[in-house]
Amino acid sequence: MSNYEYKEFNFNKDIKKIIAKNIRKYRKEKGYTQEQLALYTDRSFEFIRRIESEEGRRGFSVETLWRIATVLEINMDKLFKED
């Protein structure tokens, strides 16, 4: 017998799409190209391109999100916000 009650959460299945859209949005607001963001975050251009891409979206670590937010001079939570 468990002391925990069942709780259901609504996880957004499109979270990677939301993060990708926000990275692109804030990168463009800063006036950075994907190449510049890659250079400043110490990631490859291909990696940044694939994060932002619809077809090639890939996973990313918390460290990568932190680096991106730091370079874009935003709080990391802005990457998760839906418009």
Protein backbone atom coordinates (compact mmCIF):
# COMPACT_ATOMS: atom_id res chain seq x y z
CA MET A 1 0.00 0.00 0.00
CA SER A 2 1.37 3.36 -1.05
CA ASN A 3 1.21 6.60 0.91
CA TYR A 4 1.11 8.55 -2.35
CA GLU A 5 -2.05 9.55 -4.11
CA TYR A 6 -2.20 9.39 -7.89
CA LYS A 7 -1.83 12.75 -9.57
CA GLU A 8 -2.11 13.38 -13.27
CA PHE A 9 -0.01 16.02 -15.00
CA ASN A 10 -0.55 17.64 -18.36
CA PHE A 11 2.84 17.59 -20.07
CA ASN A 12 3.05 19.61 -23.25
CA LYS A 13 4.16 17.24 -26.01
CA ASP A 14 5.31 20.21 -28.10
CA ILE A 15 7.83 21.52 -25.55
CA LYS A 16 10.80 21.08 -27.92
CA LYS A 17 8.90 23.03 -30.58
CA ILE A 18 8.18 25.81 -28.07
CA ILE A 19 11.83 25.96 -26.96
CA ALA A 20 13.04 25.98 -30.58
CA LYS A 21 10.65 28.81 -31.47
CA ASN A 22 11.80 30.84 -28.47
CA ILE A 23 15.49 30.28 -29.19
CA ARG A 24 14.94 31.48 -32.76
CA LYS A 25 12.86 34.47 -31.56
CA TYR A 26 15.38 35.69 -28.96
CA ARG A 27 18.36 34.95 -31.22
CA LYS A 28 16.84 37.14 -33.95
CA GLU A 29 15.99 39.88 -31.42
CA LYS A 30 19.68 39.93 -30.47
CA GLY A 31 20.61 40.10 -34.15
CA TYR A 32 22.64 36.89 -33.99
CA THR A 33 22.92 34.34 -36.76
CA GLN A 34 22.82 30.63 -35.99
CA GLU A 35 26.57 30.60 -36.63
CA GLN A 36 27.16 33.32 -34.03
CA LEU A 37 24.97 31.58 -31.45
CA ALA A 38 26.89 28.37 -32.07
CA LEU A 39 30.22 30.14 -31.62
CA TYR A 40 29.16 32.00 -28.47
CA THR A 41 27.67 28.87 -26.84
CA ASP A 42 30.59 26.61 -27.84
CA ARG A 43 28.25 24.38 -29.85
CA SER A 44 28.40 23.49 -33.53
CA PHE A 45 26.42 25.36 -36.17
CA GLU A 46 24.80 22.07 -37.16
CA PHE A 47 23.68 21.50 -33.56
CA ILE A 48 22.05 24.95 -33.32
CA ARG A 49 20.49 24.56 -36.76
CA ARG A 50 18.97 21.24 -35.76
CA ILE A 51 17.62 22.60 -32.46
CA GLU A 52 15.74 25.29 -34.40
CA SER A 53 14.74 23.02 -37.30
CA GLU A 54 11.25 21.53 -37.68
CA GLU A 55 12.47 18.29 -39.19
CA GLY A 56 15.71 17.72 -37.36
CA ARG A 57 14.81 18.89 -33.89
CA ARG A 58 17.02 17.18 -31.38
CA GLY A 59 17.28 16.95 -27.66
CA PHE A 60 19.38 19.33 -25.66
CA SER A 61 20.85 19.39 -22.20
CA VAL A 62 20.11 21.80 -19.40
CA GLU A 63 23.66 23.08 -19.81
CA THR A 64 23.00 23.90 -23.47
CA LEU A 65 19.78 25.74 -22.61
CA TRP A 66 21.63 27.63 -19.88
CA ARG A 67 24.41 28.62 -22.31
CA ILE A 68 21.87 29.78 -24.90
CA ALA A 69 19.90 31.81 -22.33
CA THR A 70 23.12 33.35 -21.01
CA VAL A 71 24.31 34.37 -24.48
CA LEU A 72 20.87 35.74 -25.37
CA GLU A 73 20.78 37.57 -22.01
CA ILE A 74 17.39 36.16 -21.00
CA ASN A 75 16.14 34.13 -18.06
CA MET A 76 16.02 30.46 -18.94
CA ASP A 77 12.30 30.26 -18.16
CA LYS A 78 11.59 32.42 -21.23
CA LEU A 79 12.64 29.49 -23.40
CA PHE A 80 9.68 27.45 -22.05
CA LYS A 81 6.93 30.08 -22.41
CA GLU A 82 4.15 29.71 -24.92
CA ASP A 83 2.92 32.82 -26.69
